[in-house]
Amino acid sequence: MAAILACLLLTALAPLPARAAGTVAVDVGHGLWDSGAISARGSTEFDFNLNLARVLRPVLEARGLTVQPVNFDGEIESLQARVDAAAGSDFLLSIHHDSVASFKLTAWNWMGEDLDFADEDRGFALFISHRNPRLDKSLACASAMGRALKARGFVPATHHGTTAAGTPRPWADEENGVRFYDTLFVISHGAMPSVLFEAGVLKHRDEELLLRDRSRQRAMAEGLAEGAAACLAAGK
């Protein structure tokens, strides 16, 4: 009996997951008319984005957050429409998956289809913009999410130092995988703190398979939700 009571006491004293009242706009990147990158095995980025967003939504809600869905039907018409659909939320998280520069690609045939791959670059990335009026909060939320992802074994990407045109994308928080990307429309034009999340590199053949794994998607969603909840719980 004493042992049981001790276990119950320890359970009662264990820290609870951070819960925060607030609304998170979850934006599913790309759509039915612009499907985004194509994976090494021929799947569209939009499908990956939507699958992760669907896993993320109930995980955020379990943390006490309200989810404001943006483009879950894939029908959104413009980048401005995404910003408008997120209006009134406390935080915007745009879900994406990454590709690589064309010069890194190698041709291959998968199941009779001519495709390409690149097995060099991998990992997650979080982007914020100096043009967002809530830059400090955007950085705080991105850092919190990156920290929670790393605690679950996810590794930040290192290949985003410049754009394809050679424009620098400097670190905002190197330790937690956060970079500045000032020309991304969705995270630059809203009134709320905003972060664009790249879950991984679809052209990397091994990482593509990992990004399809539902248990791994759940772990990634838990990291994003933990970071977002902690950030919003901290207030303005």
C-alpha atoms as a PDB file:
ATOM      1  CA  MET A   1       0.000   0.000   0.000  1.00  0.00           C
ATOM      2  CA  ALA A   2       2.794   2.410   0.861  1.00  0.00           C
ATOM      3  CA  ALA A   3       4.410   1.776  -2.515  1.00  0.00           C
ATOM      4  CA  ILE A   4       1.130   2.439  -4.320  1.00  0.00           C
ATOM      5  CA  LEU A   5       0.603   5.687  -2.406  1.00  0.00           C
ATOM      6  CA  ALA A   6       4.145   6.756  -3.242  1.00  0.00           C
ATOM      7  CA  CYS A   7       3.522   6.130  -6.947  1.00  0.00           C
ATOM      8  CA  LEU A   8       0.279   8.098  -6.815  1.00  0.00           C
ATOM      9  CA  LEU A   9       2.046  10.971  -5.084  1.00  0.00           C
ATOM     10  CA  LEU A  10       4.793  11.052  -7.701  1.00  0.00           C
ATOM     11  CA  THR A  11       2.189  11.011 -10.471  1.00  0.00           C
ATOM     12  CA  ALA A  12       0.347  13.905  -8.855  1.00  0.00           C
ATOM     13  CA  LEU A  13       3.540  15.924  -8.559  1.00  0.00           C
ATOM     14  CA  ALA A  14       4.726  15.237 -12.134  1.00  0.00           C
ATOM     15  CA  PRO A  15       4.684  18.335 -14.356  1.00  0.00           C
ATOM     16  CA  LEU A  16       1.702  18.550 -16.678  1.00  0.00           C
ATOM     17  CA  PRO A  17       2.020  19.455 -20.371  1.00  0.00           C
ATOM     18  CA  ALA A  18       1.877  23.185 -20.962  1.00  0.00           C
ATOM     19  CA  ARG A  19      -1.688  24.318 -21.661  1.00  0.00           C
ATOM     20  CA  ALA A  20      -2.558  27.695 -23.054  1.00  0.00           C
ATOM     21  CA  ALA A  21      -5.777  29.404 -23.996  1.00  0.00           C
ATOM     22  CA  GLY A  22      -5.361  30.763 -27.479  1.00  0.00           C
ATOM     23  CA  THR A  23      -6.010  30.180 -31.153  1.00  0.00           C
ATOM     24  CA  VAL A  24      -3.478  28.739 -33.577  1.00  0.00           C
ATOM     25  CA  ALA A  25      -4.118  29.147 -37.300  1.00  0.00           C
ATOM     26  CA  VAL A  26      -2.726  26.016 -38.968  1.00  0.00           C
ATOM     27  CA  ASP A  27      -2.060  26.748 -42.636  1.00  0.00           C
ATOM     28  CA  VAL A  28      -1.674  23.766 -44.982  1.00  0.00           C
ATOM     29  CA  GLY A  29       0.943  24.842 -47.517  1.00  0.00           C
ATOM     30  CA  HIS A  30       0.210  24.631 -51.269  1.00  0.00           C
ATOM     31  CA  GLY A  31      -3.049  23.090 -52.500  1.00  0.00           C
ATOM     32  CA  LEU A  32      -4.942  21.300 -55.230  1.00  0.00           C
ATOM     33  CA  TRP A  33      -3.889  23.796 -57.899  1.00  0.00           C
ATOM     34  CA  ASP A  34      -0.288  24.253 -56.737  1.00  0.00           C
ATOM     35  CA  SER A  35       0.790  20.979 -55.188  1.00  0.00           C
ATOM     36  CA  GLY A  36       4.300  22.129 -54.241  1.00  0.00           C
ATOM     37  CA  ALA A  37       7.375  19.932 -54.354  1.00  0.00           C
ATOM     38  CA  ILE A  38       7.285  16.371 -55.662  1.00  0.00           C
ATOM     39  CA  SER A  39       8.843  13.721 -53.443  1.00  0.00           C
ATOM     40  CA  ALA A  40      11.488  11.238 -54.525  1.00  0.00           C
ATOM     41  CA  ARG A  41       8.703   8.693 -55.042  1.00  0.00           C
ATOM     42  CA  GLY A  42       6.267  11.008 -56.791  1.00  0.00           C
ATOM     43  CA  SER A  43       3.912  12.211 -54.045  1.00  0.00           C
ATOM     44  CA  THR A  44       2.932  15.866 -53.756  1.00  0.00           C
ATOM     45  CA  GLU A  45       4.038  18.168 -50.994  1.00  0.00           C
ATOM     46  CA  PHE A  46       0.425  19.192 -50.411  1.00  0.00           C
ATOM     47  CA  ASP A  47      -0.436  15.608 -49.458  1.00  0.00           C
ATOM     48  CA  PHE A  48       2.410  15.536 -46.919  1.00  0.00           C
ATOM     49  CA  ASN A  49       1.423  18.961 -45.568  1.00  0.00           C
ATOM     50  CA  LEU A  50      -2.217  17.968 -45.165  1.00  0.00           C
ATOM     51  CA  ASN A  51      -1.401  14.669 -43.475  1.00  0.00           C
ATOM     52  CA  LEU A  52       0.818  16.367 -40.897  1.00  0.00           C
ATOM     53  CA  ALA A  53      -1.717  19.151 -40.304  1.00  0.00           C
ATOM     54  CA  ARG A  54      -4.447  16.582 -39.665  1.00  0.00           C
ATOM     55  CA  VAL A  55      -2.252  14.871 -37.081  1.00  0.00           C
ATOM     56  CA  LEU A  56      -1.292  18.205 -35.519  1.00  0.00           C
ATOM     57  CA  ARG A  57      -4.801  19.577 -35.068  1.00  0.00           C
ATOM     58  CA  PRO A  58      -6.018  17.262 -32.259  1.00  0.00           C
ATOM     59  CA  VAL A  59      -2.632  17.431 -30.553  1.00  0.00           C
ATOM     60  CA  LEU A  60      -2.907  21.218 -30.348  1.00  0.00           C
ATOM     61  CA  GLU A  61      -6.475  20.920 -29.088  1.00  0.00           C
ATOM     62  CA  ALA A  62      -5.338  18.502 -26.384  1.00  0.00           C
ATOM     63  CA  ARG A  63      -3.050  21.294 -25.160  1.00  0.00           C
ATOM     64  CA  GLY A  64      -6.028  23.595 -24.689  1.00  0.00           C
ATOM     65  CA  LEU A  65      -5.557  25.500 -27.940  1.00  0.00           C
ATOM     66  CA  THR A  66      -8.240  26.297 -30.492  1.00  0.00           C
ATOM     67  CA  VAL A  67      -7.267  25.467 -34.069  1.00  0.00           C
ATOM     68  CA  GLN A  68      -8.263  27.826 -36.870  1.00  0.00           C
ATOM     69  CA  PRO A  69      -7.840  25.671 -40.018  1.00  0.00           C
ATOM     70  CA  VAL A  70      -6.509  27.333 -43.154  1.00  0.00           C
ATOM     71  CA  ASN A  71      -6.626  25.531 -46.517  1.00  0.00           C
ATOM     72  CA  PHE A  72      -7.421  22.057 -45.211  1.00  0.00           C
ATOM     73  CA  ASP A  73      -9.551  21.608 -48.356  1.00  0.00           C
ATOM     74  CA  GLY A  74      -6.721  22.716 -50.660  1.00  0.00           C
ATOM     75  CA  GLU A  75      -8.956  25.244 -52.391  1.00  0.00           C
ATOM     76  CA  ILE A  76      -7.425  28.520 -51.182  1.00  0.00           C
ATOM     77  CA  GLU A  77      -6.892  31.010 -53.993  1.00  0.00           C
ATOM     78  CA  SER A  78      -3.913  33.134 -52.979  1.00  0.00           C
ATOM     79  CA  LEU A  79      -1.265  33.867 -50.388  1.00  0.00           C
ATOM     80  CA  GLN A  80      -3.245  36.899 -49.250  1.00  0.00           C
ATOM     81  CA  ALA A  81      -6.279  34.663 -48.777  1.00  0.00           C
ATOM     82  CA  ARG A  82      -4.213  32.543 -46.382  1.00  0.00           C
ATOM     83  CA  VAL A  83      -3.333  35.603 -44.322  1.00  0.00           C
ATOM     84  CA  ASP A  84      -6.973  36.714 -44.335  1.00  0.00           C
ATOM     85  CA  ALA A  85      -8.142  33.245 -43.251  1.00  0.00           C
ATOM     86  CA  ALA A  86      -5.734  33.361 -40.297  1.00  0.00           C
ATOM     87  CA  ALA A  87      -6.937  36.789 -39.126  1.00  0.00           C
ATOM     88  CA  GLY A  88      -7.949  36.923 -35.485  1.00  0.00           C
ATOM     89  CA  SER A  89      -5.722  34.049 -34.411  1.00  0.00           C
ATOM     90  CA  ASP A  90      -3.010  34.397 -31.794  1.00  0.00           C
ATOM     91  CA  PHE A  91      -0.388  32.546 -33.827  1.00  0.00           C
ATOM     92  CA  LEU A  92       0.008  31.323 -37.415  1.00  0.00           C
ATOM     93  CA  LEU A  93       1.874  28.108 -38.197  1.00  0.00           C
ATOM     94  CA  SER A  94       2.284  27.322 -41.895  1.00  0.00           C
ATOM     95  CA  ILE A  95       3.037  23.643 -42.600  1.00  0.00           C
ATOM     96  CA  HIS A  96       5.386  22.731 -45.446  1.00  0.00           C
ATOM     97  CA  HIS A  97       7.841  20.070 -46.601  1.00  0.00           C
ATOM     98  CA  ASP A  98      11.102  20.907 -48.315  1.00  0.00           C
ATOM     99  CA  SER A  99      12.819  20.250 -51.629  1.00  0.00           C
ATOM    100  CA  VAL A 100      16.364  21.071 -52.770  1.00  0.00           C
ATOM    101  CA  ALA A 101      18.021  23.093 -55.521  1.00  0.00           C
ATOM    102  CA  SER A 102      17.707  21.482 -58.951  1.00  0.00           C
ATOM    103  CA  PHE A 103      21.470  21.113 -59.396  1.00  0.00           C
ATOM    104  CA  LYS A 104      21.541  18.657 -56.478  1.00  0.00           C
ATOM    105  CA  LEU A 105      19.047  16.259 -58.061  1.00  0.00           C
ATOM    106  CA  THR A 106      19.857  12.846 -59.506  1.00  0.00           C
ATOM    107  CA  ALA A 107      17.504  11.078 -61.910  1.00  0.00           C
ATOM    108  CA  TRP A 108      16.076   7.686 -61.013  1.00  0.00           C
ATOM    109  CA  ASN A 109      13.153   5.447 -61.891  1.00  0.00           C
ATOM    110  CA  TRP A 110      10.676   4.462 -59.206  1.00  0.00           C
ATOM    111  CA  MET A 111       7.918   1.964 -60.010  1.00  0.00           C
ATOM    112  CA  GLY A 112       8.180   2.767 -63.710  1.00  0.00           C
ATOM    113  CA  GLU A 113       8.094   6.553 -63.239  1.00  0.00           C
ATOM    114  CA  ASP A 114      11.029   8.821 -64.073  1.00  0.00           C
ATOM    115  CA  LEU A 115      11.702  10.950 -60.990  1.00  0.00           C
ATOM    116  CA  ASP A 116      14.638  12.484 -59.125  1.00  0.00           C
ATOM    117  CA  PHE A 117      16.134  12.445 -55.654  1.00  0.00           C
ATOM    118  CA  ALA A 118      18.827  14.074 -53.520  1.00  0.00           C
ATOM    119  CA  ASP A 119      20.127  12.189 -50.493  1.00  0.00           C
ATOM    120  CA  GLU A 120      22.427  14.892 -49.111  1.00  0.00           C
ATOM    121  CA  ASP A 121      20.187  17.409 -47.316  1.00  0.00           C
ATOM    122  CA  ARG A 122      17.630  16.565 -44.634  1.00  0.00           C
ATOM    123  CA  GLY A 123      16.107  17.872 -41.401  1.00  0.00           C
ATOM    124  CA  PHE A 124      13.458  20.345 -40.229  1.00  0.00           C
ATOM    125  CA  ALA A 125      13.559  24.134 -40.477  1.00  0.00           C
ATOM    126  CA  LEU A 126      11.613  27.013 -38.920  1.00  0.00           C
ATOM    127  CA  PHE A 127      11.389  30.383 -40.665  1.00  0.00           C
ATOM    128  CA  ILE A 128      10.416  33.831 -39.385  1.00  0.00           C
ATOM    129  CA  SER A 129      10.391  37.251 -41.030  1.00  0.00           C
ATOM    130  CA  HIS A 130      11.695  40.666 -39.996  1.00  0.00           C
ATOM    131  CA  ARG A 131       8.626  42.060 -41.780  1.00  0.00           C
ATOM    132  CA  ASN A 132       6.236  40.502 -39.289  1.00  0.00           C
ATOM    133  CA  PRO A 133       5.074  43.117 -36.744  1.00  0.00           C
ATOM    134  CA  ARG A 134       5.364  40.523 -33.954  1.00  0.00           C
ATOM    135  CA  LEU A 135       8.943  39.471 -34.698  1.00  0.00           C
ATOM    136  CA  ASP A 136       9.977  38.898 -31.078  1.00  0.00           C
ATOM    137  CA  LYS A 137       7.005  36.624 -30.409  1.00  0.00           C
ATOM    138  CA  SER A 138       7.494  34.832 -33.734  1.00  0.00           C
ATOM    139  CA  LEU A 139      11.070  34.065 -32.720  1.00  0.00           C
ATOM    140  CA  ALA A 140      10.024  32.964 -29.235  1.00  0.00           C
ATOM    141  CA  CYS A 141       7.468  30.526 -30.644  1.00  0.00           C
ATOM    142  CA  ALA A 142       9.812  29.206 -33.338  1.00  0.00           C
ATOM    143  CA  SER A 143      12.582  28.661 -30.800  1.00  0.00           C
ATOM    144  CA  ALA A 144      10.213  26.894 -28.408  1.00  0.00           C
ATOM    145  CA  MET A 145       9.033  24.560 -31.165  1.00  0.00           C
ATOM    146  CA  GLY A 146      12.565  23.861 -32.369  1.00  0.00           C
ATOM    147  CA  ARG A 147      13.673  23.095 -28.819  1.00  0.00           C
ATOM    148  CA  ALA A 148      10.772  20.679 -28.304  1.00  0.00           C
ATOM    149  CA  LEU A 149      11.439  18.959 -31.632  1.00  0.00           C
ATOM    150  CA  LYS A 150      15.106  18.482 -30.789  1.00  0.00           C
ATOM    151  CA  ALA A 151      14.137  16.991 -27.430  1.00  0.00           C
ATOM    152  CA  ARG A 152      12.247  14.337 -29.404  1.00  0.00           C
ATOM    153  CA  GLY A 153      15.234  13.498 -31.566  1.00  0.00           C
ATOM    154  CA  PHE A 154      14.501  15.634 -34.627  1.00  0.00           C
ATOM    155  CA  VAL A 155      17.514  17.353 -36.201  1.00  0.00           C
ATOM    156  CA  PRO A 156      17.516  20.873 -37.718  1.00  0.00           C
ATOM    157  CA  ALA A 157      18.505  21.252 -41.360  1.00  0.00           C
ATOM    158  CA  THR A 158      21.755  23.017 -42.196  1.00  0.00           C
ATOM    159  CA  HIS A 159      21.303  23.648 -45.927  1.00  0.00           C
ATOM    160  CA  HIS A 160      19.137  26.787 -45.875  1.00  0.00           C
ATOM    161  CA  GLY A 161      21.936  29.352 -45.639  1.00  0.00           C
ATOM    162  CA  THR A 162      21.099  30.976 -48.976  1.00  0.00           C
ATOM    163  CA  THR A 163      18.228  31.017 -51.448  1.00  0.00           C
ATOM    164  CA  ALA A 164      18.602  29.551 -54.940  1.00  0.00           C
ATOM    165  CA  ALA A 165      19.459  33.085 -56.082  1.00  0.00           C
ATOM    166  CA  GLY A 166      22.203  33.391 -53.469  1.00  0.00           C
ATOM    167  CA  THR A 167      20.359  35.647 -51.026  1.00  0.00           C
ATOM    168  CA  PRO A 168      21.486  34.941 -47.440  1.00  0.00           C
ATOM    169  CA  ARG A 169      19.028  33.433 -44.968  1.00  0.00           C
ATOM    170  CA  PRO A 170      20.793  34.082 -41.654  1.00  0.00           C
ATOM    171  CA  TRP A 171      20.198  32.241 -38.436  1.00  0.00           C
ATOM    172  CA  ALA A 172      17.716  33.712 -35.972  1.00  0.00           C
ATOM    173  CA  ASP A 173      18.372  30.888 -33.471  1.00  0.00           C
ATOM    174  CA  GLU A 174      20.914  28.387 -34.775  1.00  0.00           C
ATOM    175  CA  GLU A 175      20.644  26.067 -31.785  1.00  0.00           C
ATOM    176  CA  ASN A 176      16.949  25.457 -32.429  1.00  0.00           C
ATOM    177  CA  GLY A 177      16.899  25.544 -36.226  1.00  0.00           C
ATOM    178  CA  VAL A 178      15.304  28.969 -36.776  1.00  0.00           C
ATOM    179  CA  ARG A 179      16.253  31.179 -39.741  1.00  0.00           C
ATOM    180  CA  PHE A 180      15.103  34.502 -41.142  1.00  0.00           C
ATOM    181  CA  TYR A 181      13.313  34.306 -44.498  1.00  0.00           C
ATOM    182  CA  ASP A 182      11.916  37.776 -45.029  1.00  0.00           C
ATOM    183  CA  THR A 183      10.280  37.260 -48.435  1.00  0.00           C
ATOM    184  CA  LEU A 184       7.871  34.511 -47.363  1.00  0.00           C
ATOM    185  CA  PHE A 185       4.493  36.192 -47.830  1.00  0.00           C
ATOM    186  CA  VAL A 186       2.378  34.289 -45.332  1.00  0.00           C
ATOM    187  CA  ILE A 187       4.654  34.949 -42.351  1.00  0.00           C
ATOM    188  CA  SER A 188       5.333  38.566 -43.373  1.00  0.00           C
ATOM    189  CA  HIS A 189       1.880  40.049 -43.959  1.00  0.00           C
ATOM    190  CA  GLY A 190      -0.271  39.028 -41.010  1.00  0.00           C
ATOM    191  CA  ALA A 191      -0.783  40.875 -37.729  1.00  0.00           C
ATOM    192  CA  MET A 192      -0.128  37.790 -35.592  1.00  0.00           C
ATOM    193  CA  PRO A 193       3.200  36.090 -34.756  1.00  0.00           C
ATOM    194  CA  SER A 194       3.924  33.704 -37.628  1.00  0.00           C
ATOM    195  CA  VAL A 195       6.242  30.779 -38.360  1.00  0.00           C
ATOM    196  CA  LEU A 196       6.689  28.637 -41.459  1.00  0.00           C
ATOM    197  CA  PHE A 197       7.700  25.056 -40.662  1.00  0.00           C
ATOM    198  CA  GLU A 198       9.514  22.754 -43.093  1.00  0.00           C
ATOM    199  CA  ALA A 199       9.089  19.237 -41.698  1.00  0.00           C
ATOM    200  CA  GLY A 200      11.820  17.621 -43.782  1.00  0.00           C
ATOM    201  CA  VAL A 201      13.231  17.070 -47.264  1.00  0.00           C
ATOM    202  CA  LEU A 202      10.964  15.144 -49.630  1.00  0.00           C
ATOM    203  CA  LYS A 203      13.724  14.542 -52.179  1.00  0.00           C
ATOM    204  CA  HIS A 204      15.789  12.610 -49.614  1.00  0.00           C
ATOM    205  CA  ARG A 205      14.707   9.000 -50.153  1.00  0.00           C
ATOM    206  CA  ASP A 206      15.152   7.855 -46.563  1.00  0.00           C
ATOM    207  CA  GLU A 207      13.659  10.982 -45.034  1.00  0.00           C
ATOM    208  CA  GLU A 208      10.659  10.777 -47.353  1.00  0.00           C
ATOM    209  CA  LEU A 209       9.796   7.382 -45.858  1.00  0.00           C
ATOM    210  CA  LEU A 210      10.225   8.736 -42.331  1.00  0.00           C
ATOM    211  CA  LEU A 211       7.951  11.684 -43.133  1.00  0.00           C
ATOM    212  CA  ARG A 212       5.225   9.210 -44.138  1.00  0.00           C
ATOM    213  CA  ASP A 213       5.415   7.360 -40.812  1.00  0.00           C
ATOM    214  CA  ARG A 214       2.365   8.122 -38.673  1.00  0.00           C
ATOM    215  CA  SER A 215       4.075   7.588 -35.314  1.00  0.00           C
ATOM    216  CA  ARG A 216       6.840   9.978 -36.355  1.00  0.00           C
ATOM    217  CA  GLN A 217       4.259  12.512 -37.534  1.00  0.00           C
ATOM    218  CA  ARG A 218       2.653  12.251 -34.111  1.00  0.00           C
ATOM    219  CA  ALA A 219       5.977  12.852 -32.356  1.00  0.00           C
ATOM    220  CA  MET A 220       6.609  15.864 -34.583  1.00  0.00           C
ATOM    221  CA  ALA A 221       3.127  17.194 -33.867  1.00  0.00           C
ATOM    222  CA  GLU A 222       3.726  16.790 -30.132  1.00  0.00           C
ATOM    223  CA  GLY A 223       6.894  18.873 -30.403  1.00  0.00           C
ATOM    224  CA  LEU A 224       5.182  21.621 -32.384  1.00  0.00           C
ATOM    225  CA  ALA A 225       2.229  21.678 -30.001  1.00  0.00           C
ATOM    226  CA  GLU A 226       4.420  21.724 -26.898  1.00  0.00           C
ATOM    227  CA  GLY A 227       6.391  24.669 -28.228  1.00  0.00           C
ATOM    228  CA  ALA A 228       3.343  26.607 -29.384  1.00  0.00           C
ATOM    229  CA  ALA A 229       1.504  26.055 -26.100  1.00  0.00           C
ATOM    230  CA  ALA A 230       4.497  27.083 -24.001  1.00  0.00           C
ATOM    231  CA  CYS A 231       5.036  30.186 -26.113  1.00  0.00           C
ATOM    232  CA  LEU A 232       1.411  31.289 -25.959  1.00  0.00           C
ATOM    233  CA  ALA A 233       1.181  30.499 -22.247  1.00  0.00           C
ATOM    234  CA  ALA A 234       4.023  32.961 -21.699  1.00  0.00           C
ATOM    235  CA  GLY A 235       1.762  35.777 -22.892  1.00  0.00           C
ATOM    236  CA  LYS A 236       2.803  38.734 -24.983  1.00  0.00           C
END
